PDB file of N, CA and C in Angstrom:
ATOM      1  N   UNK A   1       0.866  -1.164   0.000  1.00  0.00           N
ATOM      2  CA  UNK A   1       0.000   0.000   0.000  1.00  0.00           C
ATOM      3  C   UNK A   1       0.911   1.224   0.000  1.00  0.00           C
ATOM      4  N   UNK A   2       0.882   1.978  -1.073  1.00  0.00           N
ATOM      5  CA  UNK A   2       1.684   3.193  -1.172  1.00  0.00           C
ATOM      6  C   UNK A   2       0.818   4.297  -1.766  1.00  0.00           C
ATOM      7  N   UNK A   3       0.769   5.417  -1.108  1.00  0.00           N
ATOM      8  CA  UNK A   3      -0.009   6.569  -1.572  1.00  0.00           C
ATOM      9  C   UNK A   3      -1.447   6.174  -1.881  1.00  0.00           C
ATOM     10  N   UNK A   4      -2.015   5.323  -1.022  1.00  0.00           N
ATOM     11  CA  UNK A   4      -3.394   4.909  -1.198  1.00  0.00           C
ATOM     12  C   UNK A   4      -3.634   3.884  -2.285  1.00  0.00           C
ATOM     13  N   UNK A   5      -2.574   3.352  -2.875  1.00  0.00           N
ATOM     14  CA  UNK A   5      -2.707   2.381  -3.951  1.00  0.00           C
ATOM     15  C   UNK A   5      -2.054   1.063  -3.548  1.00  0.00           C
ATOM     16  N   UNK A   6      -2.751  -0.037  -3.803  1.00  0.00           N
ATOM     17  CA  UNK A   6      -2.205  -1.358  -3.516  1.00  0.00           C
ATOM     18  C   UNK A   6      -1.340  -1.784  -4.691  1.00  0.00           C
ATOM     19  N   UNK A   7      -0.102  -2.177  -4.415  1.00  0.00           N
ATOM     20  CA  UNK A   7       0.818  -2.631  -5.453  1.00  0.00           C
ATOM     21  C   UNK A   7       0.936  -4.146  -5.364  1.00  0.00           C
ATOM     22  N   UNK A   8       0.608  -4.868  -6.443  1.00  0.00           N
ATOM     23  CA  UNK A   8       0.667  -6.320  -6.469  1.00  0.00           C
ATOM     24  C   UNK A   8       1.804  -6.774  -7.360  1.00  0.00           C
ATOM     25  N   UNK A   9       2.489  -7.824  -6.935  1.00  0.00           N
ATOM     26  CA  UNK A   9       3.474  -8.495  -7.759  1.00  0.00           C
ATOM     27  C   UNK A   9       3.211  -9.979  -7.652  1.00  0.00           C
ATOM     28  N   UNK A  10       3.067 -10.663  -8.762  1.00  0.00           N
ATOM     29  CA  UNK A  10       2.804 -12.093  -8.750  1.00  0.00           C
ATOM     30  C   UNK A  10       4.125 -12.834  -8.911  1.00  0.00           C
ATOM     31  N   UNK A  11       4.928 -12.834  -7.807  1.00  0.00           N
ATOM     32  CA  UNK A  11       6.238 -13.485  -7.808  1.00  0.00           C
ATOM     33  C   UNK A  11       7.227 -12.685  -8.628  1.00  0.00           C
ATOM     34  N   UNK A  12       8.495 -12.879  -8.539  1.00  0.00           N
ATOM     35  CA  UNK A  12       9.078 -13.790  -7.563  1.00  0.00           C
ATOM     36  C   UNK A  12       8.875 -13.255  -6.146  1.00  0.00           C
ATOM     37  N   UNK A  13       8.964 -14.148  -5.188  1.00  0.00           N
ATOM     38  CA  UNK A  13       8.730 -13.752  -3.812  1.00  0.00           C
ATOM     39  C   UNK A  13       9.968 -13.083  -3.231  1.00  0.00           C
ATOM     40  N   UNK A  14       9.883 -12.682  -1.987  1.00  0.00           N
ATOM     41  CA  UNK A  14      10.956 -11.921  -1.338  1.00  0.00           C
ATOM     42  C   UNK A  14      12.318 -12.579  -1.537  1.00  0.00           C
ATOM     43  N   UNK A  15      13.300 -11.753  -1.832  1.00  0.00           N
ATOM     44  CA  UNK A  15      14.663 -12.247  -1.975  1.00  0.00           C
ATOM     45  C   UNK A  15      15.229 -12.547  -0.590  1.00  0.00           C
ATOM     46  N   UNK A  16      16.326 -13.261  -0.565  1.00  0.00           N
ATOM     47  CA  UNK A  16      16.907 -13.647   0.723  1.00  0.00           C
ATOM     48  C   UNK A  16      17.396 -12.453   1.524  1.00  0.00           C
ATOM     49  N   UNK A  17      17.630 -11.321   0.878  1.00  0.00           N
ATOM     50  CA  UNK A  17      18.076 -10.145   1.629  1.00  0.00           C
ATOM     51  C   UNK A  17      16.936  -9.521   2.442  1.00  0.00           C
ATOM     52  N   UNK A  18      15.691  -9.894   2.114  1.00  0.00           N
ATOM     53  CA  UNK A  18      14.536  -9.401   2.869  1.00  0.00           C
ATOM     54  C   UNK A  18      14.445 -10.152   4.186  1.00  0.00           C
ATOM     55  N   UNK A  19      13.896  -9.504   5.191  1.00  0.00           N
ATOM     56  CA  UNK A  19      13.743 -10.142   6.487  1.00  0.00           C
ATOM     57  C   UNK A  19      12.271 -10.257   6.834  1.00  0.00           C
ATOM     58  N   UNK A  20      11.899 -11.406   7.375  1.00  0.00           N
ATOM     59  CA  UNK A  20      10.523 -11.603   7.781  1.00  0.00           C
ATOM     60  C   UNK A  20      10.330 -11.008   9.170  1.00  0.00           C
ATOM     61  N   UNK A  21       9.317 -10.168   9.314  1.00  0.00           N
ATOM     62  CA  UNK A  21       9.045  -9.530  10.590  1.00  0.00           C
ATOM     63  C   UNK A  21       8.008 -10.256  11.415  1.00  0.00           C
ATOM     64  N   UNK A  22       7.402 -11.275  10.862  1.00  0.00           N
ATOM     65  CA  UNK A  22       6.384 -12.014  11.586  1.00  0.00           C
ATOM     66  C   UNK A  22       5.582 -12.873  10.637  1.00  0.00           C
ATOM     67  N   UNK A  23       4.616 -13.570  11.193  1.00  0.00           N
ATOM     68  CA  UNK A  23       3.798 -14.464  10.408  1.00  0.00           C
ATOM     69  C   UNK A  23       2.367 -14.349  10.877  1.00  0.00           C
ATOM     70  N   UNK A  24       1.463 -14.185   9.951  1.00  0.00           N
ATOM     71  CA  UNK A  24       0.034 -14.176  10.236  1.00  0.00           C
ATOM     72  C   UNK A  24      -0.605 -15.254   9.378  1.00  0.00           C
ATOM     73  N   UNK A  25      -1.330 -16.146   9.995  1.00  0.00           N
ATOM     74  CA  UNK A  25      -2.024 -17.198   9.270  1.00  0.00           C
ATOM     75  C   UNK A  25      -3.503 -16.872   9.270  1.00  0.00           C
ATOM     76  N   UNK A  26      -4.060 -16.691   8.077  1.00  0.00           N
ATOM     77  CA  UNK A  26      -5.462 -16.303   7.939  1.00  0.00           C
ATOM     78  C   UNK A  26      -6.223 -17.367   7.172  1.00  0.00           C
ATOM     79  N   UNK A  27      -7.480 -17.534   7.503  1.00  0.00           N
ATOM     80  CA  UNK A  27      -8.346 -18.426   6.742  1.00  0.00           C
ATOM     81  C   UNK A  27      -9.238 -17.554   5.868  1.00  0.00           C
ATOM     82  N   UNK A  28      -9.079 -17.686   4.569  1.00  0.00           N
ATOM     83  CA  UNK A  28      -9.839 -16.879   3.617  1.00  0.00           C
ATOM     84  C   UNK A  28     -10.529 -17.801   2.625  1.00  0.00           C
ATOM     85  N   UNK A  29     -11.612 -17.329   2.060  1.00  0.00           N
ATOM     86  CA  UNK A  29     -12.387 -18.132   1.112  1.00  0.00           C
ATOM     87  C   UNK A  29     -11.627 -18.387  -0.182  1.00  0.00           C
ATOM     88  N   UNK A  30     -10.836 -17.401  -0.633  1.00  0.00           N
ATOM     89  CA  UNK A  30     -10.099 -17.540  -1.881  1.00  0.00           C
ATOM     90  C   UNK A  30      -8.950 -16.530  -1.902  1.00  0.00           C
ATOM     91  N   UNK A  31      -8.182 -16.556  -2.982  1.00  0.00           N
ATOM     92  CA  UNK A  31      -7.012 -15.678  -3.113  1.00  0.00           C
ATOM     93  C   UNK A  31      -7.409 -14.196  -3.103  1.00  0.00           C
ATOM     94  N   UNK A  32      -8.512 -13.878  -3.753  1.00  0.00           N
ATOM     95  CA  UNK A  32      -8.958 -12.488  -3.827  1.00  0.00           C
ATOM     96  C   UNK A  32      -9.251 -11.936  -2.424  1.00  0.00           C
ATOM     97  N   UNK A  33      -9.904 -12.747  -1.597  1.00  0.00           N
ATOM     98  CA  UNK A  33     -10.164 -12.308  -0.226  1.00  0.00           C
ATOM     99  C   UNK A  33      -8.860 -12.131   0.536  1.00  0.00           C
ATOM    100  N   UNK A  34      -7.923 -13.050   0.350  1.00  0.00           N
ATOM    101  CA  UNK A  34      -6.626 -12.940   1.024  1.00  0.00           C
ATOM    102  C   UNK A  34      -5.905 -11.664   0.626  1.00  0.00           C
ATOM    103  N   UNK A  35      -5.978 -11.291  -0.646  1.00  0.00           N
ATOM    104  CA  UNK A  35      -5.334 -10.056  -1.106  1.00  0.00           C
ATOM    105  C   UNK A  35      -6.012  -8.820  -0.511  1.00  0.00           C
ATOM    106  N   UNK A  36      -7.343  -8.851  -0.396  1.00  0.00           N
ATOM    107  CA  UNK A  36      -8.064  -7.727   0.215  1.00  0.00           C
ATOM    108  C   UNK A  36      -7.669  -7.562   1.681  1.00  0.00           C
ATOM    109  N   UNK A  37      -7.588  -8.675   2.402  1.00  0.00           N
ATOM    110  CA  UNK A  37      -7.210  -8.627   3.815  1.00  0.00           C
ATOM    111  C   UNK A  37      -5.777  -8.114   3.952  1.00  0.00           C
ATOM    112  N   UNK A  38      -4.871  -8.614   3.134  1.00  0.00           N
ATOM    113  CA  UNK A  38      -3.476  -8.185   3.193  1.00  0.00           C
ATOM    114  C   UNK A  38      -3.332  -6.695   2.920  1.00  0.00           C
ATOM    115  N   UNK A  39      -4.122  -6.171   2.002  1.00  0.00           N
ATOM    116  CA  UNK A  39      -4.038  -4.751   1.650  1.00  0.00           C
ATOM    117  C   UNK A  39      -4.462  -3.844   2.795  1.00  0.00           C
ATOM    118  N   UNK A  40      -5.276  -4.357   3.716  1.00  0.00           N
ATOM    119  CA  UNK A  40      -5.743  -3.530   4.832  1.00  0.00           C
ATOM    120  C   UNK A  40      -4.903  -3.710   6.089  1.00  0.00           C
ATOM    121  N   UNK A  41      -3.941  -4.630   6.049  1.00  0.00           N
ATOM    122  CA  UNK A  41      -3.085  -4.869   7.218  1.00  0.00           C
ATOM    123  C   UNK A  41      -2.157  -3.664   7.414  1.00  0.00           C
ATOM    124  N   UNK A  42      -1.912  -3.249   8.664  1.00  0.00           N
ATOM    125  CA  UNK A  42      -1.037  -2.088   8.915  1.00  0.00           C
ATOM    126  C   UNK A  42       0.363  -2.230   8.320  1.00  0.00           C
ATOM    127  N   UNK A  43       0.891  -3.444   8.253  1.00  0.00           N
ATOM    128  CA  UNK A  43       2.231  -3.625   7.679  1.00  0.00           C
ATOM    129  C   UNK A  43       2.275  -3.255   6.200  1.00  0.00           C
ATOM    130  N   UNK A  44       1.145  -3.306   5.520  1.00  0.00           N
ATOM    131  CA  UNK A  44       1.118  -3.013   4.091  1.00  0.00           C
ATOM    132  C   UNK A  44       1.552  -1.582   3.800  1.00  0.00           C
ATOM    133  N   UNK A  45       1.363  -0.688   4.756  1.00  0.00           N
ATOM    134  CA  UNK A  45       1.710   0.724   4.545  1.00  0.00           C
ATOM    135  C   UNK A  45       3.189   0.998   4.769  1.00  0.00           C
ATOM    136  N   UNK A  46       3.893   0.109   5.475  1.00  0.00           N
ATOM    137  CA  UNK A  46       5.298   0.385   5.808  1.00  0.00           C
ATOM    138  C   UNK A  46       6.272  -0.655   5.293  1.00  0.00           C
ATOM    139  N   UNK A  47       5.771  -1.756   4.789  1.00  0.00           N
ATOM    140  CA  UNK A  47       6.651  -2.832   4.340  1.00  0.00           C
ATOM    141  C   UNK A  47       6.004  -3.615   3.228  1.00  0.00           C
ATOM    142  N   UNK A  48       6.149  -4.925   3.308  1.00  0.00           N
ATOM    143  CA  UNK A  48       5.556  -5.781   2.291  1.00  0.00           C
ATOM    144  C   UNK A  48       4.877  -6.959   2.967  1.00  0.00           C
ATOM    145  N   UNK A  49       3.942  -7.547   2.256  1.00  0.00           N
ATOM    146  CA  UNK A  49       3.235  -8.713   2.749  1.00  0.00           C
ATOM    147  C   UNK A  49       3.215  -9.749   1.627  1.00  0.00           C
ATOM    148  N   UNK A  50       3.628 -10.958   1.948  1.00  0.00           N
ATOM    149  CA  UNK A  50       3.522 -12.059   0.995  1.00  0.00           C
ATOM    150  C   UNK A  50       2.256 -12.822   1.288  1.00  0.00           C
ATOM    151  N   UNK A  51       1.521 -13.158   0.247  1.00  0.00           N
ATOM    152  CA  UNK A  51       0.318 -13.971   0.381  1.00  0.00           C
ATOM    153  C   UNK A  51       0.615 -15.302  -0.283  1.00  0.00           C
ATOM    154  N   UNK A  52       0.545 -16.371   0.516  1.00  0.00           N
ATOM    155  CA  UNK A  52       0.806 -17.712  -0.016  1.00  0.00           C
ATOM    156  C   UNK A  52      -0.278 -18.671   0.456  1.00  0.00           C
ATOM    157  N   UNK A  53      -0.673 -19.556  -0.428  1.00  0.00           N
ATOM    158  CA  UNK A  53      -1.627 -20.604  -0.081  1.00  0.00           C
ATOM    159  C   UNK A  53      -0.872 -21.706   0.643  1.00  0.00           C
ATOM    160  N   UNK A  54      -1.381 -22.139   1.793  1.00  0.00           N
ATOM    161  CA  UNK A  54      -0.697 -23.188   2.547  1.00  0.00           C
ATOM    162  C   UNK A  54      -1.515 -24.472   2.667  1.00  0.00           C
ATOM    163  N   UNK A  55      -2.811 -24.418   2.374  1.00  0.00           N
ATOM    164  CA  UNK A  55      -3.662 -25.595   2.431  1.00  0.00           C
ATOM    165  C   UNK A  55      -4.469 -25.675   1.131  1.00  0.00           C
ATOM    166  N   UNK A  56      -4.592 -26.863   0.609  1.00  0.00           N
ATOM    167  CA  UNK A  56      -5.447 -27.038  -0.572  1.00  0.00           C
ATOM    168  C   UNK A  56      -4.773 -26.934  -1.839  1.00  0.00           C
TER     169      UNK A  56
END
């Protein structure tokens, strides 16, 4: 989230020089819902959020 706009990148994922600041596991109906939730997370305004499917 930058200047009120959500920036999406469909891979490649974070490079090894990036550091993970935490982990949030969410249950969402589909990828679109997961992206909407990620865009509203406070970290989206100051860093980056990776969205990955872990089940199914």
